């Protein structure tokens, strides 16, 4: 089991040069290949616990054009799920969300993110313990970064008012942090396995806007 700290790169697993997901791979719900290009779309990378349920939340949201699950924020290139679960890759279970900002503003993408997990738990979500379950956002534009930082601050106030502690969500630019798609069996897992494990760790606190 992974620990409560991100692995020192010196001790990280070596990984591999080839992706663990063979492409093309078609989204089980949305139909198009995971690497499809959409004009005028934006991407954002969100980590907030087990990526199975996190991905389903977004593929069900109007304005989302594509989702994919993978690993991000660590050291090991092209890791496997089992390797990530050892805590020796530094990666977090992450959902790549491709969305149409004219239909779904990034502020709404981020509201769903914060309201659907407990961002104060550090390296865990409930009984899912380890650095791969940490709360993190990787942005692909300065507008996303500004919005994420502002909304984190707003949500911190709402959480404090309900007795929660400090938010541990990290916010970074995605540049320099590769996203490695997870294996086929993890893509849209809850579509292929509708009765699969899907914990929800939402606090019930709504974002004050």
Protein backbone atom coordinates (compact mmCIF):
# COMPACT_ATOMS: atom_id res chain seq x y z
CA UNK A 1 0.00 0.00 0.00
CA UNK A 2 1.20 3.49 -0.76
CA UNK A 3 2.10 5.80 2.09
CA UNK A 4 1.14 9.31 3.03
CA UNK A 5 3.97 11.03 1.16
CA UNK A 6 4.94 11.36 -2.48
CA UNK A 7 7.84 9.08 -3.34
CA UNK A 8 11.35 10.49 -3.63
CA UNK A 9 12.26 10.26 -7.35
CA UNK A 10 15.40 8.33 -6.41
CA UNK A 11 13.22 5.49 -5.13
CA UNK A 12 10.54 5.60 -7.84
CA UNK A 13 9.79 2.64 -10.09
CA UNK A 14 11.40 2.84 -13.57
CA UNK A 15 8.23 2.40 -15.61
CA UNK A 16 8.45 1.85 -19.34
CA UNK A 17 8.74 3.67 -22.66
CA UNK A 18 5.48 2.37 -24.16
CA UNK A 19 1.95 3.33 -23.03
CA UNK A 20 -0.10 0.75 -21.14
CA UNK A 21 -3.20 1.68 -23.17
CA UNK A 22 -3.20 0.66 -26.83
CA UNK A 23 -4.68 3.30 -29.11
CA UNK A 24 -7.07 3.90 -30.69
CA UNK A 25 -9.45 3.23 -27.82
CA UNK A 26 -13.08 4.34 -28.09
CA UNK A 27 -14.87 5.83 -25.12
CA UNK A 28 -17.45 3.28 -23.92
CA UNK A 29 -20.10 5.96 -23.44
CA UNK A 30 -19.25 8.91 -25.67
CA UNK A 31 -18.16 6.75 -28.61
CA UNK A 32 -15.24 8.73 -30.01
CA UNK A 33 -11.56 7.77 -29.60
CA UNK A 34 -9.99 9.00 -26.38
CA UNK A 35 -7.42 11.03 -28.34
CA UNK A 36 -10.03 12.86 -30.44
CA UNK A 37 -9.52 16.54 -31.19
CA UNK A 38 -12.37 18.96 -30.56
CA UNK A 39 -12.29 22.51 -31.90
CA UNK A 40 -12.49 25.26 -29.27
CA UNK A 41 -12.40 22.74 -26.43
CA UNK A 42 -10.36 22.91 -23.24
CA UNK A 43 -8.74 20.17 -21.17
CA UNK A 44 -8.19 20.07 -17.45
CA UNK A 45 -6.77 17.29 -15.26
CA UNK A 46 -8.45 16.50 -11.95
CA UNK A 47 -7.45 14.09 -9.20
CA UNK A 48 -9.87 13.51 -6.34
CA UNK A 49 -9.77 9.93 -5.19
CA UNK A 50 -10.69 6.75 -7.04
CA UNK A 51 -10.84 7.70 -10.70
CA UNK A 52 -13.67 5.33 -11.62
CA UNK A 53 -16.44 7.35 -10.02
CA UNK A 54 -14.71 10.65 -10.73
CA UNK A 55 -14.74 9.93 -14.45
CA UNK A 56 -18.41 8.94 -14.45
CA UNK A 57 -19.33 12.23 -12.79
CA UNK A 58 -17.94 14.10 -15.78
CA UNK A 59 -19.02 11.93 -18.69
CA UNK A 60 -22.59 12.46 -17.42
CA UNK A 61 -22.18 16.26 -17.42
CA UNK A 62 -23.54 18.34 -20.30
CA UNK A 63 -20.74 20.13 -22.11
CA UNK A 64 -18.15 17.42 -21.48
CA UNK A 65 -16.86 16.14 -24.81
CA UNK A 66 -14.45 13.43 -23.65
CA UNK A 67 -13.06 11.87 -20.49
CA UNK A 68 -10.18 9.52 -19.81
CA UNK A 69 -8.56 8.15 -16.68
CA UNK A 70 -4.86 7.95 -16.11
CA UNK A 71 -1.92 8.77 -13.90
CA UNK A 72 -0.33 12.17 -13.38
CA UNK A 73 1.84 14.22 -11.09
CA UNK A 74 4.50 11.63 -10.42
CA UNK A 75 7.79 10.34 -11.74
CA UNK A 76 7.36 6.89 -13.29
CA UNK A 77 6.66 6.94 -17.06
CA UNK A 78 3.72 4.89 -18.34
CA UNK A 79 2.99 3.17 -15.02
CA UNK A 80 0.54 0.34 -14.51
CA UNK A 81 -2.33 0.52 -12.04
CA UNK A 82 -0.60 -1.98 -9.78
CA UNK A 83 2.56 0.12 -9.81
CA UNK A 84 0.64 3.28 -8.91
CA UNK A 85 -0.97 1.44 -6.00
CA UNK A 86 2.46 0.69 -4.51
CA UNK A 87 3.02 4.41 -3.93
CA UNK A 88 6.35 4.18 -5.75
CA UNK A 89 5.39 6.20 -8.84
CA UNK A 90 4.31 9.50 -7.27
CA UNK A 91 1.24 9.61 -9.51
CA UNK A 92 -2.32 10.43 -8.58
CA UNK A 93 -5.35 8.74 -10.13
CA UNK A 94 -6.48 11.47 -12.51
CA UNK A 95 -9.36 12.25 -14.87
CA UNK A 96 -8.68 14.19 -18.05
CA UNK A 97 -11.79 16.23 -18.83
CA UNK A 98 -12.26 17.73 -22.28
CA UNK A 99 -15.09 20.24 -22.30
CA UNK A 100 -16.77 22.96 -24.33
CA UNK A 101 -16.37 26.17 -22.29
CA UNK A 102 -19.28 27.77 -24.15
CA UNK A 103 -21.59 25.11 -22.70
CA UNK A 104 -19.75 24.22 -19.50
CA UNK A 105 -17.66 27.05 -18.01
CA UNK A 106 -14.48 26.00 -16.23
CA UNK A 107 -15.96 27.40 -13.01
CA UNK A 108 -18.67 24.74 -13.21
CA UNK A 109 -16.12 22.02 -13.93
CA UNK A 110 -14.28 23.09 -10.79
CA UNK A 111 -17.44 23.36 -8.68
CA UNK A 112 -18.22 19.73 -9.48
CA UNK A 113 -14.67 18.81 -8.54
CA UNK A 114 -14.69 20.46 -5.13
CA UNK A 115 -18.22 19.46 -4.17
CA UNK A 116 -17.73 15.77 -5.01
CA UNK A 117 -14.89 14.89 -2.67
CA UNK A 118 -13.35 16.00 0.60
CA UNK A 119 -10.39 18.19 -0.37
CA UNK A 120 -9.15 18.41 3.23
CA UNK A 121 -8.04 14.79 3.61
CA UNK A 122 -4.50 15.00 2.26
CA UNK A 123 -3.18 11.71 0.88
CA UNK A 124 -6.48 9.85 1.02
CA UNK A 125 -10.20 9.82 0.34
CA UNK A 126 -12.02 7.88 3.02
CA UNK A 127 -10.70 4.34 3.21
CA UNK A 128 -8.67 4.83 0.02
CA UNK A 129 -5.31 5.74 1.52
CA UNK A 130 -2.19 6.80 -0.33
CA UNK A 131 -0.66 9.53 -2.44
CA UNK A 132 -2.53 8.28 -5.52
CA UNK A 133 -5.78 9.45 -3.89
CA UNK A 134 -4.66 13.03 -3.22
CA UNK A 135 -6.59 16.07 -4.40
CA UNK A 136 -4.95 17.94 -7.27
CA UNK A 137 -5.70 20.09 -10.29
CA UNK A 138 -3.49 20.49 -13.36
CA UNK A 139 -4.50 23.40 -15.56
CA UNK A 140 -3.87 23.97 -19.26
CA UNK A 141 -4.31 27.73 -19.30
CA UNK A 142 -3.83 30.74 -17.08
CA UNK A 143 -7.60 31.32 -16.98
CA UNK A 144 -8.06 27.85 -15.52
CA UNK A 145 -5.34 28.45 -12.95
CA UNK A 146 -6.86 31.74 -11.84
CA UNK A 147 -10.33 30.21 -11.62
CA UNK A 148 -9.10 27.16 -9.71
CA UNK A 149 -7.20 29.28 -7.20
CA UNK A 150 -10.18 31.59 -6.66
CA UNK A 151 -12.68 28.75 -6.25
CA UNK A 152 -10.38 26.89 -3.87
CA UNK A 153 -10.34 30.00 -1.71
CA UNK A 154 -14.12 30.34 -1.84
CA UNK A 155 -14.64 26.70 -0.97
CA UNK A 156 -12.17 26.96 1.90
CA UNK A 157 -14.40 29.54 3.49
CA UNK A 158 -17.47 27.36 3.04
CA UNK A 159 -15.71 24.34 4.55
CA UNK A 160 -14.39 26.26 7.53
CA UNK A 161 -17.92 27.41 8.22
CA UNK A 162 -18.99 23.77 8.48
CA UNK A 163 -16.14 22.69 10.75
CA UNK A 164 -13.76 21.26 8.16
CA UNK A 165 -10.03 21.96 8.09
CA UNK A 166 -7.63 23.30 5.50
CA UNK A 167 -7.90 22.29 1.86
CA UNK A 168 -4.92 20.25 0.68
CA UNK A 169 -5.70 20.46 -3.05
CA UNK A 170 -2.65 21.41 -5.09
CA UNK A 171 -3.04 23.52 -8.23
CA UNK A 172 -0.36 23.47 -10.92
CA UNK A 173 0.01 24.02 -14.63
CA UNK A 174 -0.08 20.79 -16.60
CA UNK A 175 3.02 21.64 -18.62
CA UNK A 176 5.85 19.39 -17.50
CA UNK A 177 3.46 16.88 -15.91
CA UNK A 178 2.63 14.18 -18.47
CA UNK A 179 -0.72 12.41 -18.29
CA UNK A 180 -0.36 8.66 -18.78
CA UNK A 181 -3.64 6.96 -19.78
CA UNK A 182 -4.58 3.98 -17.63
CA UNK A 183 -5.17 0.47 -18.91
CA UNK A 184 -8.28 -0.33 -20.98
CA UNK A 185 -10.07 -2.03 -18.08
CA UNK A 186 -10.00 1.22 -16.09
CA UNK A 187 -11.39 3.43 -18.84
CA UNK A 188 -15.09 4.08 -18.15
CA UNK A 189 -14.89 1.31 -15.57
CA UNK A 190 -18.35 1.93 -14.15
CA UNK A 191 -19.93 1.64 -17.59
CA UNK A 192 -18.36 -1.78 -18.07
CA UNK A 193 -18.96 -2.69 -14.41
CA UNK A 194 -22.12 -0.82 -13.32
CA UNK A 195 -22.11 -2.43 -9.88
CA UNK A 196 -18.41 -1.74 -9.32
CA UNK A 197 -16.88 -0.09 -6.29
CA UNK A 198 -17.65 3.62 -6.45
CA UNK A 199 -17.08 5.48 -3.17
CA UNK A 200 -18.39 9.03 -2.80
CA UNK A 201 -16.60 11.21 -0.27
CA UNK A 202 -18.42 14.49 -0.81
CA UNK A 203 -18.68 16.68 2.27
CA UNK A 204 -22.16 17.92 1.42
CA UNK A 205 -20.86 21.50 1.59
CA UNK A 206 -21.90 23.59 -1.40
CA UNK A 207 -19.65 26.16 -2.99
CA UNK A 208 -20.61 29.71 -2.10
CA UNK A 209 -20.75 31.71 -5.31
